[in-house]
């Protein structure tokens, strides 16, 4: 289970690329201005300017973009020197042209390789990221993987498990400042971790403006899940109210699913959190879907009143 929230939210690849682009263009812009202010020969000012499209090309196109733009920049620089070459001959400018061409290709190749490596590293981190940055609970990807594991375990060993979900409407937190909201959610996550069993798996996800708190409950049948969900909603409402959130317990949408018996509900829950995961990690490949609905065909029908439910009641005991 995740140990706690990281010190700060890591940057996605898109955010990192935008930051890199802004910083690089700023540096190159300063170099171009300094070169122009020193009254350097116009062709050499152009040579410095040509590093800008190479930089943009490898930031968005990687190694291939860097090399293609370097080739184009070399041709443009050669054309800029054409009148001088016609006047005094190519030999006079051969070393200068070769050095500029080498600089263009080195910049494009090294920069393209670095950006491609950066992208691969960030995507790899996204692939293994299973901690929610705000609460320190498991994130949507963590829940999807846990549901697949528990469903496979239930099918193999003919065991039972449940998932309790409580939805906090986004409107209840809208009045809080961003800093206060993160603080409230962080404290809430810490309290949830401290009050569930060691085998339970608490999770937090954001669906639009709403906050979804879920707990995977191994070896918990429908009756136990119903009691837990009721107490979980009550405790969550109390915790938020104590921290300045104007929210009644009746405003919380609480439900649970139990397997075997409600594979369809479990599949719908998995799909919802898989969609959240896809939004949180757009660069990472999606988690592989499991045929949860198909398992329902070989499972006994759900008993009346089991599988899903809502309710409120006192208490915080997760056992």
C-alpha atoms as a PDB file:
ATOM      1  CA  UNK A   1       0.000   0.000   0.000  1.00  0.00           C
ATOM      2  CA  UNK A   2       1.295   3.518  -0.693  1.00  0.00           C
ATOM      3  CA  UNK A   3       3.271   4.931   2.200  1.00  0.00           C
ATOM      4  CA  UNK A   4       2.171   8.555   1.955  1.00  0.00           C
ATOM      5  CA  UNK A   5       2.102  11.637  -0.211  1.00  0.00           C
ATOM      6  CA  UNK A   6       5.271  12.724  -2.010  1.00  0.00           C
ATOM      7  CA  UNK A   7       6.862  16.047  -1.107  1.00  0.00           C
ATOM      8  CA  UNK A   8       5.366  17.615  -4.232  1.00  0.00           C
ATOM      9  CA  UNK A   9       3.501  16.647  -7.363  1.00  0.00           C
ATOM     10  CA  UNK A  10       5.888  15.457 -10.083  1.00  0.00           C
ATOM     11  CA  UNK A  11       5.720  17.167 -13.450  1.00  0.00           C
ATOM     12  CA  UNK A  12       4.147  15.326 -16.345  1.00  0.00           C
ATOM     13  CA  UNK A  13       6.061  14.985 -19.600  1.00  0.00           C
ATOM     14  CA  UNK A  14       3.950  17.700 -21.243  1.00  0.00           C
ATOM     15  CA  UNK A  15       4.582  20.118 -18.370  1.00  0.00           C
ATOM     16  CA  UNK A  16       8.289  19.273 -18.367  1.00  0.00           C
ATOM     17  CA  UNK A  17       8.494  19.829 -22.118  1.00  0.00           C
ATOM     18  CA  UNK A  18       6.776  23.213 -21.837  1.00  0.00           C
ATOM     19  CA  UNK A  19       9.156  24.242 -19.066  1.00  0.00           C
ATOM     20  CA  UNK A  20      12.167  23.070 -21.075  1.00  0.00           C
ATOM     21  CA  UNK A  21      10.935  24.920 -24.164  1.00  0.00           C
ATOM     22  CA  UNK A  22      10.403  28.167 -22.267  1.00  0.00           C
ATOM     23  CA  UNK A  23      13.803  28.020 -20.551  1.00  0.00           C
ATOM     24  CA  UNK A  24      15.638  27.104 -23.773  1.00  0.00           C
ATOM     25  CA  UNK A  25      14.000  29.837 -25.828  1.00  0.00           C
ATOM     26  CA  UNK A  26      14.837  32.357 -23.121  1.00  0.00           C
ATOM     27  CA  UNK A  27      18.514  31.378 -23.128  1.00  0.00           C
ATOM     28  CA  UNK A  28      18.748  31.317 -26.920  1.00  0.00           C
ATOM     29  CA  UNK A  29      16.960  34.655 -27.118  1.00  0.00           C
ATOM     30  CA  UNK A  30      19.500  36.225 -24.777  1.00  0.00           C
ATOM     31  CA  UNK A  31      22.381  34.807 -26.833  1.00  0.00           C
ATOM     32  CA  UNK A  32      20.880  36.171 -30.059  1.00  0.00           C
ATOM     33  CA  UNK A  33      20.421  39.632 -28.521  1.00  0.00           C
ATOM     34  CA  UNK A  34      23.973  39.691 -27.183  1.00  0.00           C
ATOM     35  CA  UNK A  35      25.345  38.610 -30.562  1.00  0.00           C
ATOM     36  CA  UNK A  36      23.343  41.303 -32.342  1.00  0.00           C
ATOM     37  CA  UNK A  37      24.313  43.984 -29.798  1.00  0.00           C
ATOM     38  CA  UNK A  38      27.997  43.228 -30.356  1.00  0.00           C
ATOM     39  CA  UNK A  39      27.587  44.072 -34.061  1.00  0.00           C
ATOM     40  CA  UNK A  40      28.571  40.607 -35.173  1.00  0.00           C
ATOM     41  CA  UNK A  41      28.416  39.877 -38.894  1.00  0.00           C
ATOM     42  CA  UNK A  42      24.779  39.317 -39.985  1.00  0.00           C
ATOM     43  CA  UNK A  43      25.496  35.803 -41.265  1.00  0.00           C
ATOM     44  CA  UNK A  44      26.830  34.835 -37.836  1.00  0.00           C
ATOM     45  CA  UNK A  45      23.818  36.364 -36.109  1.00  0.00           C
ATOM     46  CA  UNK A  46      21.707  34.208 -38.411  1.00  0.00           C
ATOM     47  CA  UNK A  47      23.785  31.163 -37.427  1.00  0.00           C
ATOM     48  CA  UNK A  48      22.843  31.742 -33.785  1.00  0.00           C
ATOM     49  CA  UNK A  49      19.188  32.323 -34.710  1.00  0.00           C
ATOM     50  CA  UNK A  50      19.152  28.983 -36.568  1.00  0.00           C
ATOM     51  CA  UNK A  51      19.691  27.162 -33.273  1.00  0.00           C
ATOM     52  CA  UNK A  52      16.171  28.247 -32.258  1.00  0.00           C
ATOM     53  CA  UNK A  53      14.233  26.150 -34.841  1.00  0.00           C
ATOM     54  CA  UNK A  54      16.591  23.230 -34.172  1.00  0.00           C
ATOM     55  CA  UNK A  55      15.799  23.486 -30.478  1.00  0.00           C
ATOM     56  CA  UNK A  56      12.041  23.637 -31.100  1.00  0.00           C
ATOM     57  CA  UNK A  57      12.291  20.708 -33.531  1.00  0.00           C
ATOM     58  CA  UNK A  58      14.057  18.341 -31.156  1.00  0.00           C
ATOM     59  CA  UNK A  59      11.848  19.321 -28.209  1.00  0.00           C
ATOM     60  CA  UNK A  60       8.780  18.213 -30.174  1.00  0.00           C
ATOM     61  CA  UNK A  61      10.350  15.736 -32.605  1.00  0.00           C
ATOM     62  CA  UNK A  62      13.145  14.111 -30.633  1.00  0.00           C
ATOM     63  CA  UNK A  63      16.272  12.855 -32.385  1.00  0.00           C
ATOM     64  CA  UNK A  64      14.678  12.754 -35.844  1.00  0.00           C
ATOM     65  CA  UNK A  65      13.366  16.296 -35.562  1.00  0.00           C
ATOM     66  CA  UNK A  66      16.728  17.541 -34.362  1.00  0.00           C
ATOM     67  CA  UNK A  67      18.672  15.980 -37.241  1.00  0.00           C
ATOM     68  CA  UNK A  68      16.228  17.091 -39.945  1.00  0.00           C
ATOM     69  CA  UNK A  69      16.179  20.664 -38.663  1.00  0.00           C
ATOM     70  CA  UNK A  70      19.981  20.649 -38.395  1.00  0.00           C
ATOM     71  CA  UNK A  71      20.232  19.683 -42.066  1.00  0.00           C
ATOM     72  CA  UNK A  72      17.851  22.475 -43.047  1.00  0.00           C
ATOM     73  CA  UNK A  73      19.740  24.980 -40.883  1.00  0.00           C
ATOM     74  CA  UNK A  74      23.028  23.974 -42.548  1.00  0.00           C
ATOM     75  CA  UNK A  75      21.569  24.643 -45.994  1.00  0.00           C
ATOM     76  CA  UNK A  76      20.172  28.012 -44.887  1.00  0.00           C
ATOM     77  CA  UNK A  77      23.537  29.045 -43.449  1.00  0.00           C
ATOM     78  CA  UNK A  78      25.309  27.989 -46.623  1.00  0.00           C
ATOM     79  CA  UNK A  79      22.892  30.100 -48.700  1.00  0.00           C
ATOM     80  CA  UNK A  80      23.486  33.059 -46.369  1.00  0.00           C
ATOM     81  CA  UNK A  81      27.206  32.775 -47.163  1.00  0.00           C
ATOM     82  CA  UNK A  82      26.684  32.332 -50.904  1.00  0.00           C
ATOM     83  CA  UNK A  83      27.469  35.918 -51.970  1.00  0.00           C
ATOM     84  CA  UNK A  84      30.703  35.953 -49.965  1.00  0.00           C
ATOM     85  CA  UNK A  85      31.659  32.523 -51.352  1.00  0.00           C
ATOM     86  CA  UNK A  86      31.073  33.768 -54.914  1.00  0.00           C
ATOM     87  CA  UNK A  87      33.292  36.766 -54.218  1.00  0.00           C
ATOM     88  CA  UNK A  88      36.333  35.130 -52.572  1.00  0.00           C
ATOM     89  CA  UNK A  89      35.851  31.378 -53.075  1.00  0.00           C
ATOM     90  CA  UNK A  90      34.610  28.480 -50.952  1.00  0.00           C
ATOM     91  CA  UNK A  91      38.030  27.654 -49.459  1.00  0.00           C
ATOM     92  CA  UNK A  92      37.991  30.825 -47.372  1.00  0.00           C
ATOM     93  CA  UNK A  93      34.765  29.801 -45.627  1.00  0.00           C
ATOM     94  CA  UNK A  94      35.129  26.012 -45.702  1.00  0.00           C
ATOM     95  CA  UNK A  95      36.265  25.601 -42.103  1.00  0.00           C
ATOM     96  CA  UNK A  96      33.658  28.073 -40.811  1.00  0.00           C
ATOM     97  CA  UNK A  97      30.830  26.367 -42.715  1.00  0.00           C
ATOM     98  CA  UNK A  98      31.947  22.931 -41.565  1.00  0.00           C
ATOM     99  CA  UNK A  99      32.183  24.058 -37.946  1.00  0.00           C
ATOM    100  CA  UNK A 100      28.692  25.598 -38.057  1.00  0.00           C
ATOM    101  CA  UNK A 101      27.281  22.492 -39.712  1.00  0.00           C
ATOM    102  CA  UNK A 102      28.917  20.278 -37.084  1.00  0.00           C
ATOM    103  CA  UNK A 103      27.505  22.511 -34.345  1.00  0.00           C
ATOM    104  CA  UNK A 104      23.996  22.306 -35.811  1.00  0.00           C
ATOM    105  CA  UNK A 105      24.069  18.506 -36.064  1.00  0.00           C
ATOM    106  CA  UNK A 106      25.655  18.060 -32.635  1.00  0.00           C
ATOM    107  CA  UNK A 107      23.051  20.327 -31.042  1.00  0.00           C
ATOM    108  CA  UNK A 108      20.196  18.564 -32.830  1.00  0.00           C
ATOM    109  CA  UNK A 109      21.473  15.041 -32.140  1.00  0.00           C
ATOM    110  CA  UNK A 110      22.412  15.507 -28.483  1.00  0.00           C
ATOM    111  CA  UNK A 111      19.316  17.564 -27.716  1.00  0.00           C
ATOM    112  CA  UNK A 112      17.031  15.113 -29.517  1.00  0.00           C
ATOM    113  CA  UNK A 113      18.551  12.154 -27.713  1.00  0.00           C
ATOM    114  CA  UNK A 114      18.214  13.926 -24.351  1.00  0.00           C
ATOM    115  CA  UNK A 115      14.542  14.801 -24.929  1.00  0.00           C
ATOM    116  CA  UNK A 116      13.739  11.256 -26.075  1.00  0.00           C
ATOM    117  CA  UNK A 117      15.450   9.837 -22.984  1.00  0.00           C
ATOM    118  CA  UNK A 118      13.583  12.301 -20.750  1.00  0.00           C
ATOM    119  CA  UNK A 119      10.260  11.299 -22.272  1.00  0.00           C
ATOM    120  CA  UNK A 120      10.998   7.605 -21.796  1.00  0.00           C
ATOM    121  CA  UNK A 121      11.962   8.156 -18.152  1.00  0.00           C
ATOM    122  CA  UNK A 122       8.863  10.191 -17.309  1.00  0.00           C
ATOM    123  CA  UNK A 123       6.541   7.737 -19.047  1.00  0.00           C
ATOM    124  CA  UNK A 124       8.193   4.925 -17.093  1.00  0.00           C
ATOM    125  CA  UNK A 125       7.621   6.803 -13.837  1.00  0.00           C
ATOM    126  CA  UNK A 126       3.973   7.343 -14.804  1.00  0.00           C
ATOM    127  CA  UNK A 127       3.621   3.639 -15.507  1.00  0.00           C
ATOM    128  CA  UNK A 128       4.647   2.731 -11.942  1.00  0.00           C
ATOM    129  CA  UNK A 129       3.014   5.697 -10.197  1.00  0.00           C
ATOM    130  CA  UNK A 130       0.372   4.352  -7.805  1.00  0.00           C
ATOM    131  CA  UNK A 131       0.267   7.080  -5.124  1.00  0.00           C
ATOM    132  CA  UNK A 132      -2.208   9.931  -5.115  1.00  0.00           C
ATOM    133  CA  UNK A 133      -0.203  13.154  -4.834  1.00  0.00           C
ATOM    134  CA  UNK A 134      -2.649  14.986  -2.566  1.00  0.00           C
ATOM    135  CA  UNK A 135      -3.882  12.396  -0.056  1.00  0.00           C
ATOM    136  CA  UNK A 136      -1.067   9.849  -0.042  1.00  0.00           C
ATOM    137  CA  UNK A 137      -3.623   7.095  -0.632  1.00  0.00           C
ATOM    138  CA  UNK A 138      -3.546   4.831  -3.646  1.00  0.00           C
ATOM    139  CA  UNK A 139      -4.454   6.528  -6.907  1.00  0.00           C
ATOM    140  CA  UNK A 140      -6.827   5.401  -9.661  1.00  0.00           C
ATOM    141  CA  UNK A 141      -4.217   3.137 -11.251  1.00  0.00           C
ATOM    142  CA  UNK A 142      -3.592   1.491  -7.883  1.00  0.00           C
ATOM    143  CA  UNK A 143      -7.302   0.721  -7.517  1.00  0.00           C
ATOM    144  CA  UNK A 144      -7.601  -0.704 -11.034  1.00  0.00           C
ATOM    145  CA  UNK A 145      -4.690  -3.058 -10.377  1.00  0.00           C
ATOM    146  CA  UNK A 146      -6.050  -4.047  -6.961  1.00  0.00           C
ATOM    147  CA  UNK A 147      -9.475  -4.806  -8.412  1.00  0.00           C
ATOM    148  CA  UNK A 148      -7.907  -7.066 -11.027  1.00  0.00           C
ATOM    149  CA  UNK A 149      -5.850  -8.877  -8.389  1.00  0.00           C
ATOM    150  CA  UNK A 150      -8.767  -9.312  -5.991  1.00  0.00           C
ATOM    151  CA  UNK A 151     -11.114 -10.457  -8.768  1.00  0.00           C
ATOM    152  CA  UNK A 152      -8.594 -13.061  -9.910  1.00  0.00           C
ATOM    153  CA  UNK A 153      -8.045 -14.188  -6.312  1.00  0.00           C
ATOM    154  CA  UNK A 154     -11.792 -14.438  -5.670  1.00  0.00           C
ATOM    155  CA  UNK A 155     -12.274 -16.545  -8.783  1.00  0.00           C
ATOM    156  CA  UNK A 156      -9.346 -18.847  -8.052  1.00  0.00           C
ATOM    157  CA  UNK A 157      -9.950 -19.438  -4.351  1.00  0.00           C
ATOM    158  CA  UNK A 158     -13.729 -18.881  -4.346  1.00  0.00           C
ATOM    159  CA  UNK A 159     -13.290 -16.080  -1.826  1.00  0.00           C
ATOM    160  CA  UNK A 160     -15.210 -12.842  -1.395  1.00  0.00           C
ATOM    161  CA  UNK A 161     -14.250  -9.171  -1.338  1.00  0.00           C
ATOM    162  CA  UNK A 162     -15.980  -5.804  -1.424  1.00  0.00           C
ATOM    163  CA  UNK A 163     -15.221  -2.241  -2.454  1.00  0.00           C
ATOM    164  CA  UNK A 164     -16.712   0.725  -0.612  1.00  0.00           C
ATOM    165  CA  UNK A 165     -16.895   4.065  -2.416  1.00  0.00           C
ATOM    166  CA  UNK A 166     -17.872   7.460  -1.009  1.00  0.00           C
ATOM    167  CA  UNK A 167     -18.123  10.439  -3.360  1.00  0.00           C
ATOM    168  CA  UNK A 168     -17.518  13.940  -1.994  1.00  0.00           C
ATOM    169  CA  UNK A 169     -19.132  16.518  -4.315  1.00  0.00           C
ATOM    170  CA  UNK A 170     -16.705  19.062  -5.681  1.00  0.00           C
ATOM    171  CA  UNK A 171     -19.041  21.905  -4.733  1.00  0.00           C
ATOM    172  CA  UNK A 172     -18.390  21.175  -1.047  1.00  0.00           C
ATOM    173  CA  UNK A 173     -14.678  21.969  -1.481  1.00  0.00           C
ATOM    174  CA  UNK A 174     -15.037  24.767  -4.030  1.00  0.00           C
ATOM    175  CA  UNK A 175     -15.104  27.509  -1.395  1.00  0.00           C
ATOM    176  CA  UNK A 176     -11.728  26.454   0.025  1.00  0.00           C
ATOM    177  CA  UNK A 177      -8.495  27.959  -1.220  1.00  0.00           C
ATOM    178  CA  UNK A 178      -6.273  25.627  -3.196  1.00  0.00           C
ATOM    179  CA  UNK A 179      -3.773  25.402  -0.340  1.00  0.00           C
ATOM    180  CA  UNK A 180      -6.472  24.746   2.259  1.00  0.00           C
ATOM    181  CA  UNK A 181      -8.122  22.147   0.028  1.00  0.00           C
ATOM    182  CA  UNK A 182      -4.853  20.248  -0.417  1.00  0.00           C
ATOM    183  CA  UNK A 183      -4.266  20.405   3.332  1.00  0.00           C
ATOM    184  CA  UNK A 184      -7.754  19.080   4.112  1.00  0.00           C
ATOM    185  CA  UNK A 185      -7.446  16.243   1.611  1.00  0.00           C
ATOM    186  CA  UNK A 186      -3.968  15.365   2.890  1.00  0.00           C
ATOM    187  CA  UNK A 187      -5.143  15.193   6.493  1.00  0.00           C
ATOM    188  CA  UNK A 188      -8.181  13.173   5.436  1.00  0.00           C
ATOM    189  CA  UNK A 189      -5.992  10.684   3.619  1.00  0.00           C
ATOM    190  CA  UNK A 190      -3.750  10.285   6.662  1.00  0.00           C
ATOM    191  CA  UNK A 191      -6.743   9.611   8.908  1.00  0.00           C
ATOM    192  CA  UNK A 192      -8.178   7.056   6.491  1.00  0.00           C
ATOM    193  CA  UNK A 193      -4.849   5.187   6.364  1.00  0.00           C
ATOM    194  CA  UNK A 194      -4.696   5.166  10.163  1.00  0.00           C
ATOM    195  CA  UNK A 195      -8.215   3.772  10.600  1.00  0.00           C
ATOM    196  CA  UNK A 196      -8.463   0.914   8.150  1.00  0.00           C
ATOM    197  CA  UNK A 197      -7.164  -2.607   8.514  1.00  0.00           C
ATOM    198  CA  UNK A 198      -3.669  -3.398   7.306  1.00  0.00           C
ATOM    199  CA  UNK A 199      -5.140  -5.565   4.537  1.00  0.00           C
ATOM    200  CA  UNK A 200      -7.533  -2.858   3.281  1.00  0.00           C
ATOM    201  CA  UNK A 201      -6.561  -0.659   0.341  1.00  0.00           C
ATOM    202  CA  UNK A 202      -7.755   2.977   0.560  1.00  0.00           C
ATOM    203  CA  UNK A 203      -7.792   5.016  -2.658  1.00  0.00           C
ATOM    204  CA  UNK A 204      -8.541   8.565  -3.782  1.00  0.00           C
ATOM    205  CA  UNK A 205      -9.441   9.719  -7.287  1.00  0.00           C
ATOM    206  CA  UNK A 206     -10.839  12.875  -8.864  1.00  0.00           C
ATOM    207  CA  UNK A 207     -13.668  12.505 -11.366  1.00  0.00           C
ATOM    208  CA  UNK A 208     -14.359  15.946 -12.781  1.00  0.00           C
ATOM    209  CA  UNK A 209     -14.855  18.089  -9.681  1.00  0.00           C
ATOM    210  CA  UNK A 210     -15.902  15.219  -7.414  1.00  0.00           C
ATOM    211  CA  UNK A 211     -13.540  13.395  -5.064  1.00  0.00           C
ATOM    212  CA  UNK A 212     -13.934   9.624  -4.861  1.00  0.00           C
ATOM    213  CA  UNK A 213     -12.682   7.814  -1.759  1.00  0.00           C
ATOM    214  CA  UNK A 214     -12.673   4.032  -2.131  1.00  0.00           C
ATOM    215  CA  UNK A 215     -11.509   1.172   0.067  1.00  0.00           C
ATOM    216  CA  UNK A 216     -10.895  -2.368  -1.169  1.00  0.00           C
ATOM    217  CA  UNK A 217     -12.022  -4.785   1.561  1.00  0.00           C
ATOM    218  CA  UNK A 218     -10.587  -8.300   1.160  1.00  0.00           C
ATOM    219  CA  UNK A 219     -12.546 -11.178   2.702  1.00  0.00           C
ATOM    220  CA  UNK A 220     -15.512  -8.894   3.384  1.00  0.00           C
ATOM    221  CA  UNK A 221     -19.029 -10.001   2.445  1.00  0.00           C
ATOM    222  CA  UNK A 222     -21.986  -7.759   1.647  1.00  0.00           C
ATOM    223  CA  UNK A 223     -23.224  -7.390   5.235  1.00  0.00           C
ATOM    224  CA  UNK A 224     -19.830  -6.275   6.484  1.00  0.00           C
ATOM    225  CA  UNK A 225     -19.348  -3.984   3.477  1.00  0.00           C
ATOM    226  CA  UNK A 226     -22.709  -2.347   4.130  1.00  0.00           C
ATOM    227  CA  UNK A 227     -21.782  -1.553   7.727  1.00  0.00           C
ATOM    228  CA  UNK A 228     -18.321  -0.353   6.730  1.00  0.00           C
ATOM    229  CA  UNK A 229     -19.654   1.901   3.968  1.00  0.00           C
ATOM    230  CA  UNK A 230     -22.166   3.491   6.334  1.00  0.00           C
ATOM    231  CA  UNK A 231     -19.517   4.177   8.962  1.00  0.00           C
ATOM    232  CA  UNK A 232     -16.994   5.301   6.362  1.00  0.00           C
ATOM    233  CA  UNK A 233     -19.406   7.918   4.977  1.00  0.00           C
ATOM    234  CA  UNK A 234     -20.247   9.165   8.468  1.00  0.00           C
ATOM    235  CA  UNK A 235     -16.594   9.392   9.516  1.00  0.00           C
ATOM    236  CA  UNK A 236     -15.561  11.069   6.267  1.00  0.00           C
ATOM    237  CA  UNK A 237     -18.315  13.657   6.624  1.00  0.00           C
ATOM    238  CA  UNK A 238     -17.289  14.366  10.234  1.00  0.00           C
ATOM    239  CA  UNK A 239     -13.603  14.736   9.324  1.00  0.00           C
ATOM    240  CA  UNK A 240     -14.355  17.182   6.526  1.00  0.00           C
ATOM    241  CA  UNK A 241     -16.811  19.184   8.646  1.00  0.00           C
ATOM    242  CA  UNK A 242     -14.205  19.546  11.406  1.00  0.00           C
ATOM    243  CA  UNK A 243     -11.866  21.106   8.819  1.00  0.00           C
ATOM    244  CA  UNK A 244     -14.231  23.769   7.587  1.00  0.00           C
ATOM    245  CA  UNK A 245     -16.006  21.922   4.780  1.00  0.00           C
ATOM    246  CA  UNK A 246     -19.711  22.746   4.755  1.00  0.00           C
ATOM    247  CA  UNK A 247     -21.076  19.310   4.019  1.00  0.00           C
ATOM    248  CA  UNK A 248     -23.839  17.117   5.387  1.00  0.00           C
ATOM    249  CA  UNK A 249     -23.441  13.357   5.432  1.00  0.00           C
ATOM    250  CA  UNK A 250     -26.563  13.163   3.283  1.00  0.00           C
ATOM    251  CA  UNK A 251     -24.632  14.998   0.539  1.00  0.00           C
ATOM    252  CA  UNK A 252     -22.169  12.096   0.266  1.00  0.00           C
ATOM    253  CA  UNK A 253     -22.931   9.392  -2.276  1.00  0.00           C
ATOM    254  CA  UNK A 254     -21.999   6.084  -0.634  1.00  0.00           C
ATOM    255  CA  UNK A 255     -22.135   2.684  -2.302  1.00  0.00           C
ATOM    256  CA  UNK A 256     -20.400  -0.663  -2.301  1.00  0.00           C
ATOM    257  CA  UNK A 257     -19.992  -3.687  -4.553  1.00  0.00           C
ATOM    258  CA  UNK A 258     -19.368  -7.252  -3.459  1.00  0.00           C
ATOM    259  CA  UNK A 259     -17.844 -10.052  -5.534  1.00  0.00           C
ATOM    260  CA  UNK A 260     -18.957 -12.687  -6.251  1.00  0.00           C
ATOM    261  CA  UNK A 261     -22.448 -11.453  -6.902  1.00  0.00           C
ATOM    262  CA  UNK A 262     -22.000  -8.073  -8.562  1.00  0.00           C
ATOM    263  CA  UNK A 263     -19.324  -8.437 -11.234  1.00  0.00           C
ATOM    264  CA  UNK A 264     -21.174  -5.946 -13.423  1.00  0.00           C
ATOM    265  CA  UNK A 265     -20.969  -3.268 -10.730  1.00  0.00           C
ATOM    266  CA  UNK A 266     -17.296  -4.054 -10.189  1.00  0.00           C
ATOM    267  CA  UNK A 267     -16.608  -3.747 -13.913  1.00  0.00           C
ATOM    268  CA  UNK A 268     -18.346  -0.355 -14.025  1.00  0.00           C
ATOM    269  CA  UNK A 269     -16.309   0.812 -11.048  1.00  0.00           C
ATOM    270  CA  UNK A 270     -13.105  -0.368 -12.693  1.00  0.00           C
ATOM    271  CA  UNK A 271     -13.955   1.426 -15.920  1.00  0.00           C
ATOM    272  CA  UNK A 272     -14.634   4.667 -14.034  1.00  0.00           C
ATOM    273  CA  UNK A 273     -11.286   4.582 -12.257  1.00  0.00           C
ATOM    274  CA  UNK A 274      -9.476   3.470 -15.425  1.00  0.00           C
ATOM    275  CA  UNK A 275     -10.816   6.624 -17.098  1.00  0.00           C
ATOM    276  CA  UNK A 276      -9.495   8.710 -14.193  1.00  0.00           C
ATOM    277  CA  UNK A 277      -6.114   6.997 -14.534  1.00  0.00           C
ATOM    278  CA  UNK A 278      -6.023   7.754 -18.270  1.00  0.00           C
ATOM    279  CA  UNK A 279      -6.538  11.452 -17.518  1.00  0.00           C
ATOM    280  CA  UNK A 280      -3.913  11.470 -14.767  1.00  0.00           C
ATOM    281  CA  UNK A 281      -1.302   9.618 -16.851  1.00  0.00           C
ATOM    282  CA  UNK A 282      -1.964  10.482 -20.502  1.00  0.00           C
ATOM    283  CA  UNK A 283       1.546   9.461 -21.616  1.00  0.00           C
ATOM    284  CA  UNK A 284       1.538   6.053 -19.938  1.00  0.00           C
ATOM    285  CA  UNK A 285      -0.076   3.013 -21.575  1.00  0.00           C
ATOM    286  CA  UNK A 286      -3.462   2.089 -20.071  1.00  0.00           C
ATOM    287  CA  UNK A 287      -3.752  -0.801 -17.668  1.00  0.00           C
ATOM    288  CA  UNK A 288      -4.953  -4.015 -19.296  1.00  0.00           C
ATOM    289  CA  UNK A 289      -8.673  -4.585 -18.922  1.00  0.00           C
ATOM    290  CA  UNK A 290      -9.801  -7.725 -17.170  1.00  0.00           C
ATOM    291  CA  UNK A 291     -12.980  -9.550 -18.260  1.00  0.00           C
ATOM    292  CA  UNK A 292     -14.867  -8.862 -15.034  1.00  0.00           C
ATOM    293  CA  UNK A 293     -18.272  -8.950 -16.700  1.00  0.00           C
ATOM    294  CA  UNK A 294     -17.479 -12.303 -18.268  1.00  0.00           C
ATOM    295  CA  UNK A 295     -16.809 -13.757 -14.834  1.00  0.00           C
ATOM    296  CA  UNK A 296     -20.374 -13.019 -13.843  1.00  0.00           C
ATOM    297  CA  UNK A 297     -21.580 -15.732 -16.184  1.00  0.00           C
ATOM    298  CA  UNK A 298     -19.995 -18.408 -14.009  1.00  0.00           C
ATOM    299  CA  UNK A 299     -20.920 -16.804 -10.697  1.00  0.00           C
ATOM    300  CA  UNK A 300     -24.057 -17.374  -8.629  1.00  0.00           C
ATOM    301  CA  UNK A 301     -26.683 -14.624  -8.814  1.00  0.00           C
ATOM    302  CA  UNK A 302     -26.532 -11.882  -6.213  1.00  0.00           C
ATOM    303  CA  UNK A 303     -28.729 -12.317  -3.177  1.00  0.00           C
ATOM    304  CA  UNK A 304     -31.463  -9.712  -2.803  1.00  0.00           C
ATOM    305  CA  UNK A 305     -30.142  -6.532  -1.195  1.00  0.00           C
ATOM    306  CA  UNK A 306     -26.474  -7.394  -1.620  1.00  0.00           C
ATOM    307  CA  UNK A 307     -23.782  -5.986  -3.863  1.00  0.00           C
ATOM    308  CA  UNK A 308     -24.569  -2.291  -3.784  1.00  0.00           C
ATOM    309  CA  UNK A 309     -25.875  -0.015  -1.113  1.00  0.00           C
ATOM    310  CA  UNK A 310     -25.850   3.362   0.565  1.00  0.00           C
ATOM    311  CA  UNK A 311     -26.183   4.439   4.132  1.00  0.00           C
ATOM    312  CA  UNK A 312     -24.923   6.508   6.999  1.00  0.00           C
ATOM    313  CA  UNK A 313     -24.257   5.742  10.584  1.00  0.00           C
ATOM    314  CA  UNK A 314     -21.878   6.439  13.461  1.00  0.00           C
ATOM    315  CA  UNK A 315     -18.468   4.996  13.962  1.00  0.00           C
ATOM    316  CA  UNK A 316     -15.074   4.820  12.284  1.00  0.00           C
ATOM    317  CA  UNK A 317     -14.026   1.231  12.896  1.00  0.00           C
ATOM    318  CA  UNK A 318     -12.903  -0.327   9.612  1.00  0.00           C
ATOM    319  CA  UNK A 319     -12.944  -3.853  10.943  1.00  0.00           C
END
